[in-house]
C-alpha atoms as a PDB file:
ATOM      1  CA  UNK A   1      -0.989  -6.684  -8.360  1.00  0.00           C
ATOM      2  CA  UNK A   2      -4.303  -6.478 -10.227  1.00  0.00           C
ATOM      3  CA  UNK A   3      -4.518  -7.688 -13.795  1.00  0.00           C
ATOM      4  CA  UNK A   4      -5.920  -4.523 -15.196  1.00  0.00           C
ATOM      5  CA  UNK A   5      -4.767  -0.999 -14.910  1.00  0.00           C
ATOM      6  CA  UNK A   6      -7.499   1.617 -14.343  1.00  0.00           C
ATOM      7  CA  UNK A   7      -7.549   4.535 -16.693  1.00  0.00           C
ATOM      8  CA  UNK A   8      -7.204   7.140 -13.943  1.00  0.00           C
ATOM      9  CA  UNK A   9      -3.983   5.558 -12.712  1.00  0.00           C
ATOM     10  CA  UNK A  10      -2.637   5.281 -16.261  1.00  0.00           C
ATOM     11  CA  UNK A  11      -3.310   8.960 -16.972  1.00  0.00           C
ATOM     12  CA  UNK A  12      -1.561   9.924 -13.735  1.00  0.00           C
ATOM     13  CA  UNK A  13       1.403   7.869 -14.716  1.00  0.00           C
ATOM     14  CA  UNK A  14       1.335   9.396 -18.240  1.00  0.00           C
ATOM     15  CA  UNK A  15       2.054  12.840 -16.666  1.00  0.00           C
ATOM     16  CA  UNK A  16       5.545  11.639 -15.824  1.00  0.00           C
ATOM     17  CA  UNK A  17       6.150  10.520 -19.414  1.00  0.00           C
ATOM     18  CA  UNK A  18       4.849  13.860 -20.637  1.00  0.00           C
ATOM     19  CA  UNK A  19       7.226  15.746 -18.346  1.00  0.00           C
ATOM     20  CA  UNK A  20      10.031  13.735 -19.985  1.00  0.00           C
ATOM     21  CA  UNK A  21       8.725  14.414 -23.506  1.00  0.00           C
ATOM     22  CA  UNK A  22       8.678  18.227 -22.765  1.00  0.00           C
ATOM     23  CA  UNK A  23      12.175  18.022 -21.390  1.00  0.00           C
ATOM     24  CA  UNK A  24      13.361  16.267 -24.527  1.00  0.00           C
ATOM     25  CA  UNK A  25      11.738  18.906 -26.706  1.00  0.00           C
ATOM     26  CA  UNK A  26      13.290  21.747 -24.704  1.00  0.00           C
ATOM     27  CA  UNK A  27      16.651  20.119 -25.219  1.00  0.00           C
ATOM     28  CA  UNK A  28      16.227  20.168 -28.990  1.00  0.00           C
ATOM     29  CA  UNK A  29      15.371  16.477 -29.173  1.00  0.00           C
ATOM     30  CA  UNK A  30      12.382  14.344 -30.230  1.00  0.00           C
ATOM     31  CA  UNK A  31       9.489  14.766 -27.715  1.00  0.00           C
ATOM     32  CA  UNK A  32       8.891  11.235 -26.700  1.00  0.00           C
ATOM     33  CA  UNK A  33       8.984  10.408 -22.920  1.00  0.00           C
ATOM     34  CA  UNK A  34       8.538   7.233 -20.958  1.00  0.00           C
ATOM     35  CA  UNK A  35       8.487   5.821 -17.457  1.00  0.00           C
ATOM     36  CA  UNK A  36       8.760   2.286 -16.104  1.00  0.00           C
ATOM     37  CA  UNK A  37       6.563   1.490 -13.025  1.00  0.00           C
ATOM     38  CA  UNK A  38       6.982  -1.294 -10.638  1.00  0.00           C
ATOM     39  CA  UNK A  39       4.119  -3.709  -9.764  1.00  0.00           C
ATOM     40  CA  UNK A  40       3.359  -1.597  -6.641  1.00  0.00           C
ATOM     41  CA  UNK A  41       3.200   1.707  -8.689  1.00  0.00           C
ATOM     42  CA  UNK A  42       6.589   3.107  -7.741  1.00  0.00           C
ATOM     43  CA  UNK A  43       8.582   4.808 -10.586  1.00  0.00           C
ATOM     44  CA  UNK A  44      11.514   2.561 -11.303  1.00  0.00           C
ATOM     45  CA  UNK A  45      12.956   4.682 -14.118  1.00  0.00           C
ATOM     46  CA  UNK A  46      12.062   7.615 -16.370  1.00  0.00           C
ATOM     47  CA  UNK A  47      13.611   9.018 -19.521  1.00  0.00           C
ATOM     48  CA  UNK A  48      13.063  10.602 -22.895  1.00  0.00           C
ATOM     49  CA  UNK A  49      14.315  10.155 -26.417  1.00  0.00           C
ATOM     50  CA  UNK A  50      17.937  11.369 -26.487  1.00  0.00           C
ATOM     51  CA  UNK A  51      19.052  10.346 -30.005  1.00  0.00           C
ATOM     52  CA  UNK A  52      19.832  13.963 -30.928  1.00  0.00           C
ATOM     53  CA  UNK A  53      21.281  15.104 -27.692  1.00  0.00           C
ATOM     54  CA  UNK A  54      23.591  12.063 -27.232  1.00  0.00           C
ATOM     55  CA  UNK A  55      24.124  11.397 -30.960  1.00  0.00           C
ATOM     56  CA  UNK A  56      23.153   7.823 -30.053  1.00  0.00           C
ATOM     57  CA  UNK A  57      20.440   6.131 -32.193  1.00  0.00           C
ATOM     58  CA  UNK A  58      19.656   3.631 -29.470  1.00  0.00           C
ATOM     59  CA  UNK A  59      18.394   6.033 -26.852  1.00  0.00           C
ATOM     60  CA  UNK A  60      14.657   6.088 -27.439  1.00  0.00           C
ATOM     61  CA  UNK A  61      12.281   7.185 -24.658  1.00  0.00           C
ATOM     62  CA  UNK A  62      11.498   3.646 -23.567  1.00  0.00           C
ATOM     63  CA  UNK A  63      15.099   2.550 -23.549  1.00  0.00           C
ATOM     64  CA  UNK A  64      16.053   5.616 -21.583  1.00  0.00           C
ATOM     65  CA  UNK A  65      13.498   4.806 -18.956  1.00  0.00           C
ATOM     66  CA  UNK A  66      14.522   1.115 -18.937  1.00  0.00           C
ATOM     67  CA  UNK A  67      18.192   2.012 -18.425  1.00  0.00           C
ATOM     68  CA  UNK A  68      17.261   4.542 -15.701  1.00  0.00           C
ATOM     69  CA  UNK A  69      15.465   1.666 -13.823  1.00  0.00           C
ATOM     70  CA  UNK A  70      18.620  -0.377 -13.644  1.00  0.00           C
ATOM     71  CA  UNK A  71      18.697  -4.071 -13.264  1.00  0.00           C
ATOM     72  CA  UNK A  72      15.554  -5.682 -11.871  1.00  0.00           C
ATOM     73  CA  UNK A  73      15.316  -9.287 -10.795  1.00  0.00           C
ATOM     74  CA  UNK A  74      12.134  -9.547 -12.904  1.00  0.00           C
ATOM     75  CA  UNK A  75       9.999  -7.212 -14.963  1.00  0.00           C
ATOM     76  CA  UNK A  76       6.806  -9.306 -14.455  1.00  0.00           C
ATOM     77  CA  UNK A  77       4.087  -6.910 -13.202  1.00  0.00           C
ATOM     78  CA  UNK A  78       5.822  -3.755 -14.405  1.00  0.00           C
ATOM     79  CA  UNK A  79       4.288  -1.174 -16.650  1.00  0.00           C
ATOM     80  CA  UNK A  80       5.964   0.861 -19.407  1.00  0.00           C
ATOM     81  CA  UNK A  81       4.266   4.145 -20.036  1.00  0.00           C
ATOM     82  CA  UNK A  82       5.139   6.081 -23.168  1.00  0.00           C
ATOM     83  CA  UNK A  83       3.813   9.132 -24.876  1.00  0.00           C
ATOM     84  CA  UNK A  84       3.827   7.467 -28.321  1.00  0.00           C
ATOM     85  CA  UNK A  85       3.104   3.950 -29.575  1.00  0.00           C
ATOM     86  CA  UNK A  86       6.533   2.187 -29.313  1.00  0.00           C
ATOM     87  CA  UNK A  87       8.566   1.414 -32.385  1.00  0.00           C
ATOM     88  CA  UNK A  88       9.555  -2.130 -33.146  1.00  0.00           C
ATOM     89  CA  UNK A  89      12.871  -1.682 -31.321  1.00  0.00           C
ATOM     90  CA  UNK A  90      11.120  -0.588 -28.115  1.00  0.00           C
ATOM     91  CA  UNK A  91       8.360  -3.059 -28.553  1.00  0.00           C
ATOM     92  CA  UNK A  92      11.016  -5.775 -28.659  1.00  0.00           C
ATOM     93  CA  UNK A  93      12.365  -4.480 -25.384  1.00  0.00           C
ATOM     94  CA  UNK A  94       8.968  -4.789 -23.741  1.00  0.00           C
ATOM     95  CA  UNK A  95       8.576  -8.327 -25.082  1.00  0.00           C
ATOM     96  CA  UNK A  96      12.132  -9.458 -24.403  1.00  0.00           C
ATOM     97  CA  UNK A  97      12.051  -8.527 -20.743  1.00  0.00           C
ATOM     98  CA  UNK A  98       8.454  -9.532 -20.040  1.00  0.00           C
ATOM     99  CA  UNK A  99       7.111  -6.191 -19.158  1.00  0.00           C
ATOM    100  CA  UNK A 100       3.465  -6.926 -18.308  1.00  0.00           C
ATOM    101  CA  UNK A 101       1.669  -3.736 -19.282  1.00  0.00           C
ATOM    102  CA  UNK A 102       2.074  -0.860 -21.775  1.00  0.00           C
ATOM    103  CA  UNK A 103       0.289   2.455 -21.567  1.00  0.00           C
ATOM    104  CA  UNK A 104       0.440   4.497 -24.768  1.00  0.00           C
ATOM    105  CA  UNK A 105      -0.270   8.213 -24.790  1.00  0.00           C
ATOM    106  CA  UNK A 106      -1.173   8.269 -28.420  1.00  0.00           C
ATOM    107  CA  UNK A 107      -0.971   6.132 -31.547  1.00  0.00           C
ATOM    108  CA  UNK A 108      -2.352   8.509 -34.227  1.00  0.00           C
ATOM    109  CA  UNK A 109       0.923  10.002 -35.273  1.00  0.00           C
ATOM    110  CA  UNK A 110       2.706   6.663 -35.210  1.00  0.00           C
ATOM    111  CA  UNK A 111       1.294   3.243 -34.636  1.00  0.00           C
ATOM    112  CA  UNK A 112       4.205   0.995 -33.729  1.00  0.00           C
ATOM    113  CA  UNK A 113       4.123  -2.340 -32.104  1.00  0.00           C
ATOM    114  CA  UNK A 114       1.437  -2.007 -29.552  1.00  0.00           C
ATOM    115  CA  UNK A 115      -1.046  -4.252 -31.333  1.00  0.00           C
ATOM    116  CA  UNK A 116       1.680  -6.929 -31.710  1.00  0.00           C
ATOM    117  CA  UNK A 117       2.457  -6.696 -28.018  1.00  0.00           C
ATOM    118  CA  UNK A 118      -1.206  -7.118 -27.153  1.00  0.00           C
ATOM    119  CA  UNK A 119      -1.326 -10.228 -29.411  1.00  0.00           C
ATOM    120  CA  UNK A 120       1.565 -11.585 -27.362  1.00  0.00           C
ATOM    121  CA  UNK A 121       0.094 -11.246 -23.907  1.00  0.00           C
ATOM    122  CA  UNK A 122       0.998  -7.658 -22.959  1.00  0.00           C
ATOM    123  CA  UNK A 123      -1.938  -5.714 -21.440  1.00  0.00           C
ATOM    124  CA  UNK A 124      -2.120  -2.464 -23.601  1.00  0.00           C
ATOM    125  CA  UNK A 125      -4.007   0.653 -22.928  1.00  0.00           C
ATOM    126  CA  UNK A 126      -4.060   3.409 -25.571  1.00  0.00           C
ATOM    127  CA  UNK A 127      -5.204   6.697 -24.038  1.00  0.00           C
ATOM    128  CA  UNK A 128      -5.453   8.963 -27.088  1.00  0.00           C
ATOM    129  CA  UNK A 129      -4.209  11.841 -25.013  1.00  0.00           C
ATOM    130  CA  UNK A 130      -4.654  15.143 -26.788  1.00  0.00           C
ATOM    131  CA  UNK A 131      -1.476  16.729 -25.462  1.00  0.00           C
ATOM    132  CA  UNK A 132       0.644  13.793 -26.627  1.00  0.00           C
ATOM    133  CA  UNK A 133      -1.021  13.859 -29.974  1.00  0.00           C
ATOM    134  CA  UNK A 134      -0.588  17.683 -30.408  1.00  0.00           C
ATOM    135  CA  UNK A 135       3.039  17.736 -29.142  1.00  0.00           C
ATOM    136  CA  UNK A 136       4.060  14.950 -31.625  1.00  0.00           C
ATOM    137  CA  UNK A 137       2.038  16.285 -34.662  1.00  0.00           C
ATOM    138  CA  UNK A 138       3.577  19.785 -34.129  1.00  0.00           C
ATOM    139  CA  UNK A 139       7.039  18.239 -33.969  1.00  0.00           C
ATOM    140  CA  UNK A 140       6.573  16.205 -37.038  1.00  0.00           C
ATOM    141  CA  UNK A 141       5.272  19.222 -39.006  1.00  0.00           C
ATOM    142  CA  UNK A 142       8.275  21.337 -37.917  1.00  0.00           C
ATOM    143  CA  UNK A 143      10.956  18.672 -38.252  1.00  0.00           C
ATOM    144  CA  UNK A 144       9.912  16.030 -40.817  1.00  0.00           C
ATOM    145  CA  UNK A 145      13.437  14.949 -41.725  1.00  0.00           C
ATOM    146  CA  UNK A 146      14.432  14.436 -38.080  1.00  0.00           C
ATOM    147  CA  UNK A 147      11.133  12.507 -37.449  1.00  0.00           C
ATOM    148  CA  UNK A 148      11.715  10.308 -40.463  1.00  0.00           C
ATOM    149  CA  UNK A 149      15.303   9.570 -39.197  1.00  0.00           C
ATOM    150  CA  UNK A 150      13.929   8.605 -35.879  1.00  0.00           C
ATOM    151  CA  UNK A 151      11.422   6.096 -37.317  1.00  0.00           C
ATOM    152  CA  UNK A 152      13.878   4.766 -39.820  1.00  0.00           C
ATOM    153  CA  UNK A 153      12.245   6.192 -42.872  1.00  0.00           C
ATOM    154  CA  UNK A 154      14.287   7.638 -45.673  1.00  0.00           C
ATOM    155  CA  UNK A 155      12.301  10.163 -47.500  1.00  0.00           C
ATOM    156  CA  UNK A 156      15.262  12.060 -48.996  1.00  0.00           C
ATOM    157  CA  UNK A 157      16.922  10.992 -52.201  1.00  0.00           C
ATOM    158  CA  UNK A 158      20.543  11.733 -51.291  1.00  0.00           C
ATOM    159  CA  UNK A 159      22.724  12.102 -54.348  1.00  0.00           C
ATOM    160  CA  UNK A 160      25.622   9.671 -54.287  1.00  0.00           C
ATOM    161  CA  UNK A 161      28.931  10.150 -56.087  1.00  0.00           C
ATOM    162  CA  UNK A 162      29.127   8.167 -59.296  1.00  0.00           C
ATOM    163  CA  UNK A 163      31.512   5.588 -57.815  1.00  0.00           C
ATOM    164  CA  UNK A 164      29.102   4.782 -54.903  1.00  0.00           C
ATOM    165  CA  UNK A 165      26.089   3.805 -57.017  1.00  0.00           C
END
């Protein structure tokens, strides 16, 4: 395994994550896709955000790909590829299991924990991919409440009954 991932390989791997993001969008979900690659470049697992489809707040793109990969004896040398900078939950997954590298399709619409991961020894490559950026910005514009739910933001002041205040 080499220590650095070349951009051409990273972009080719991002295509798989983008396929997953498009699938999630076509299912009525949030368009974030991911894939976990082994040290030799084989796809171990792939997935997309399924929070809406499965009514499960824990199924983010990265966790879906991680689950699809199944148990591995070690995650050293693996690479998580995701269409969007990972949230703290998914950043924690990368760090907890010692995933060596992270490829981020874009971090303009959301800048999660990729800088923190880099500070803690994960090799991070942010590609600023225009398709990832456009897909996410279009989704956020069309579904702001769903997006805010996904990132744990509460921008709605929900009226509560008198007894619940």
